[in-house]
Amino acid sequence: MALFNEAESVAEPANEAAEEETIVPARRRGKRKPLPVDLPWIEVIHELPEHELTCTCGCREHPIGEEVS
């Protein structure tokens, strides 16, 4: 078995501390500038017809979320 281990015996031991030390670049997060105050606001409300607001069991459905963009 010593025949196949000659490369390991001749090679210099690697500096393990140098291998473990890696430099990770800092992640830059872009920041969005605030919107101008003079932009018009448009509010859109989607209302469902009465027959779609009633569940199959007879209960009245209610809104579960809101999306603002």
N, C-alpha and C. Protein backbone atom coordinates (compact mmCIF):
# COMPACT_ATOMS: atom_id res chain seq x y z
N MET A 1 0.80 -1.20 0.00
CA MET A 1 0.00 0.00 0.00
C MET A 1 0.85 1.27 0.00
N ALA A 2 2.06 1.22 0.45
CA ALA A 2 2.92 2.39 0.50
C ALA A 2 3.27 2.87 -0.90
N LEU A 3 3.12 2.02 -1.87
CA LEU A 3 3.46 2.35 -3.25
C LEU A 3 2.57 3.49 -3.78
N PHE A 4 1.30 3.52 -3.41
CA PHE A 4 0.38 4.51 -3.93
C PHE A 4 0.29 5.77 -3.07
N ASN A 5 0.99 5.84 -1.94
CA ASN A 5 0.92 6.99 -1.03
C ASN A 5 2.13 7.91 -1.15
N GLU A 6 2.96 7.73 -2.14
CA GLU A 6 4.16 8.55 -2.24
C GLU A 6 3.85 10.02 -2.54
N ALA A 7 2.78 10.32 -3.24
CA ALA A 7 2.44 11.73 -3.54
C ALA A 7 2.07 12.47 -2.26
N GLU A 8 1.38 11.79 -1.34
CA GLU A 8 1.00 12.43 -0.09
C GLU A 8 2.20 12.64 0.83
N SER A 9 3.16 11.76 0.78
CA SER A 9 4.32 11.90 1.66
C SER A 9 5.27 12.98 1.16
N VAL A 10 5.31 13.24 -0.13
CA VAL A 10 6.21 14.24 -0.71
C VAL A 10 5.58 15.64 -0.63
N ALA A 11 4.28 15.74 -0.77
CA ALA A 11 3.61 17.03 -0.81
C ALA A 11 3.67 17.73 0.53
N GLU A 12 3.77 19.05 0.48
CA GLU A 12 3.78 19.84 1.71
C GLU A 12 2.36 19.94 2.25
N PRO A 13 2.21 19.95 3.57
CA PRO A 13 0.85 20.10 4.13
C PRO A 13 0.28 21.48 3.78
N ALA A 14 -0.96 21.49 3.38
CA ALA A 14 -1.62 22.74 2.98
C ALA A 14 -2.00 23.54 4.21
N ASN A 15 -1.96 24.84 4.08
CA ASN A 15 -2.35 25.72 5.17
C ASN A 15 -3.88 25.75 5.22
N GLU A 16 -4.46 25.05 6.20
CA GLU A 16 -5.91 24.93 6.26
C GLU A 16 -6.58 26.26 6.61
N ALA A 17 -5.91 27.11 7.34
CA ALA A 17 -6.51 28.40 7.72
C ALA A 17 -6.71 29.26 6.49
N ALA A 18 -5.81 29.19 5.52
CA ALA A 18 -5.94 30.00 4.31
C ALA A 18 -7.10 29.51 3.47
N GLU A 19 -7.36 28.20 3.46
CA GLU A 19 -8.46 27.67 2.66
C GLU A 19 -9.81 28.04 3.25
N GLU A 20 -9.91 28.09 4.57
CA GLU A 20 -11.18 28.38 5.23
C GLU A 20 -11.54 29.86 5.13
N GLU A 21 -10.56 30.70 5.02
CA GLU A 21 -10.81 32.14 4.98
C GLU A 21 -11.21 32.55 3.56
N THR A 22 -12.47 32.89 3.40
CA THR A 22 -12.96 33.35 2.11
C THR A 22 -13.55 34.73 2.30
N ILE A 23 -13.35 35.56 1.35
CA ILE A 23 -13.88 36.92 1.41
C ILE A 23 -15.18 36.95 0.63
N VAL A 24 -16.24 37.28 1.33
CA VAL A 24 -17.56 37.35 0.71
C VAL A 24 -17.87 38.82 0.44
N PRO A 25 -18.12 39.18 -0.81
CA PRO A 25 -18.43 40.59 -1.09
C PRO A 25 -19.74 41.00 -0.43
N ALA A 26 -19.76 42.22 0.08
CA ALA A 26 -20.96 42.73 0.73
C ALA A 26 -22.06 42.93 -0.31
N ARG A 27 -23.27 42.49 0.03
CA ARG A 27 -24.38 42.65 -0.90
C ARG A 27 -24.90 44.08 -0.78
N ARG A 28 -25.01 44.72 -1.89
CA ARG A 28 -25.54 46.08 -1.91
C ARG A 28 -27.00 46.02 -2.28
N ARG A 29 -27.80 46.59 -1.45
CA ARG A 29 -29.23 46.62 -1.72
C ARG A 29 -29.59 48.01 -2.22
N GLY A 30 -30.25 48.04 -3.36
CA GLY A 30 -30.68 49.32 -3.91
C GLY A 30 -31.84 49.88 -3.12
N LYS A 31 -31.82 51.15 -2.97
CA LYS A 31 -32.93 51.81 -2.28
C LYS A 31 -33.70 52.64 -3.30
N ARG A 32 -35.01 52.47 -3.26
CA ARG A 32 -35.85 53.19 -4.18
C ARG A 32 -36.07 54.61 -3.64
N LYS A 33 -35.98 55.56 -4.52
CA LYS A 33 -36.25 56.94 -4.11
C LYS A 33 -37.74 57.10 -3.88
N PRO A 34 -38.12 57.95 -2.93
CA PRO A 34 -39.56 58.14 -2.70
C PRO A 34 -40.23 58.77 -3.91
N LEU A 35 -41.50 58.42 -4.09
CA LEU A 35 -42.26 58.96 -5.21
C LEU A 35 -42.55 60.44 -4.98
N PRO A 36 -42.63 61.21 -6.06
CA PRO A 36 -42.96 62.63 -5.90
C PRO A 36 -44.35 62.80 -5.27
N VAL A 37 -44.50 63.83 -4.49
CA VAL A 37 -45.74 64.07 -3.76
C VAL A 37 -46.86 64.49 -4.71
N ASP A 38 -46.52 65.09 -5.84
CA ASP A 38 -47.54 65.60 -6.75
C ASP A 38 -48.12 64.54 -7.68
N LEU A 39 -47.72 63.27 -7.55
CA LEU A 39 -48.31 62.22 -8.38
C LEU A 39 -49.76 61.97 -7.96
N PRO A 40 -50.63 61.75 -8.93
CA PRO A 40 -52.02 61.49 -8.56
C PRO A 40 -52.19 60.08 -8.00
N TRP A 41 -53.10 59.95 -7.03
CA TRP A 41 -53.43 58.66 -6.44
C TRP A 41 -54.71 58.16 -7.08
N ILE A 42 -54.71 56.90 -7.46
CA ILE A 42 -55.90 56.29 -8.04
C ILE A 42 -56.27 55.10 -7.16
N GLU A 43 -57.43 55.14 -6.57
CA GLU A 43 -57.89 54.06 -5.73
C GLU A 43 -58.89 53.23 -6.52
N VAL A 44 -58.60 51.94 -6.68
CA VAL A 44 -59.46 51.04 -7.43
C VAL A 44 -60.01 50.01 -6.45
N ILE A 45 -61.31 49.94 -6.33
CA ILE A 45 -61.96 48.97 -5.45
C ILE A 45 -62.76 48.03 -6.33
N HIS A 46 -62.45 46.76 -6.24
CA HIS A 46 -63.15 45.75 -7.03
C HIS A 46 -64.27 45.15 -6.17
N GLU A 47 -65.49 45.44 -6.53
CA GLU A 47 -66.65 44.92 -5.81
C GLU A 47 -67.21 43.72 -6.57
N LEU A 48 -67.55 42.67 -5.84
CA LEU A 48 -68.14 41.49 -6.45
C LEU A 48 -69.66 41.59 -6.41
N PRO A 49 -70.32 40.98 -7.38
CA PRO A 49 -71.78 40.94 -7.34
C PRO A 49 -72.26 40.14 -6.12
N GLU A 50 -73.47 40.36 -5.72
CA GLU A 50 -74.02 39.75 -4.50
C GLU A 50 -74.02 38.22 -4.58
N HIS A 51 -74.30 37.64 -5.75
CA HIS A 51 -74.33 36.19 -5.85
C HIS A 51 -72.94 35.56 -5.69
N GLU A 52 -71.84 36.33 -5.92
CA GLU A 52 -70.49 35.82 -5.71
C GLU A 52 -70.00 36.02 -4.29
N LEU A 53 -70.71 36.84 -3.49
CA LEU A 53 -70.32 37.07 -2.11
C LEU A 53 -70.88 36.03 -1.16
N THR A 54 -71.76 35.19 -1.64
CA THR A 54 -72.37 34.17 -0.79
C THR A 54 -71.71 32.83 -1.09
N CYS A 55 -71.26 32.15 -0.03
CA CYS A 55 -70.62 30.84 -0.15
C CYS A 55 -71.66 29.77 -0.44
N THR A 56 -71.24 28.60 -0.85
CA THR A 56 -72.16 27.51 -1.15
C THR A 56 -72.90 27.02 0.09
N CYS A 57 -72.32 27.27 1.28
CA CYS A 57 -72.98 26.84 2.52
C CYS A 57 -73.97 27.89 3.02
N GLY A 58 -74.02 29.05 2.36
CA GLY A 58 -74.94 30.11 2.75
C GLY A 58 -74.30 31.23 3.54
N CYS A 59 -73.02 31.07 3.95
CA CYS A 59 -72.32 32.12 4.70
C CYS A 59 -71.88 33.23 3.76
N ARG A 60 -71.74 34.42 4.31
CA ARG A 60 -71.27 35.56 3.52
C ARG A 60 -69.74 35.57 3.55
N GLU A 61 -69.13 35.67 2.38
CA GLU A 61 -67.68 35.71 2.29
C GLU A 61 -67.19 37.11 2.63
N HIS A 62 -65.98 37.19 3.13
CA HIS A 62 -65.39 38.47 3.50
C HIS A 62 -64.01 38.58 2.85
N PRO A 63 -63.50 39.83 2.70
CA PRO A 63 -62.18 40.01 2.07
C PRO A 63 -61.08 39.42 2.96
N ILE A 64 -60.09 38.81 2.33
CA ILE A 64 -59.00 38.21 3.08
C ILE A 64 -57.67 38.89 2.84
N GLY A 65 -57.62 39.87 1.96
CA GLY A 65 -56.35 40.53 1.71
C GLY A 65 -56.52 41.82 0.94
N GLU A 66 -55.40 42.53 0.85
CA GLU A 66 -55.39 43.81 0.14
C GLU A 66 -54.03 43.94 -0.52
N GLU A 67 -54.01 44.45 -1.72
CA GLU A 67 -52.75 44.64 -2.44
C GLU A 67 -52.60 46.10 -2.78
N VAL A 68 -51.46 46.66 -2.42
CA VAL A 68 -51.18 48.06 -2.69
C VAL A 68 -49.89 48.12 -3.50
N SER A 69 -49.93 48.87 -4.60
CA SER A 69 -48.71 49.03 -5.40
C SER A 69 -48.59 50.44 -5.87
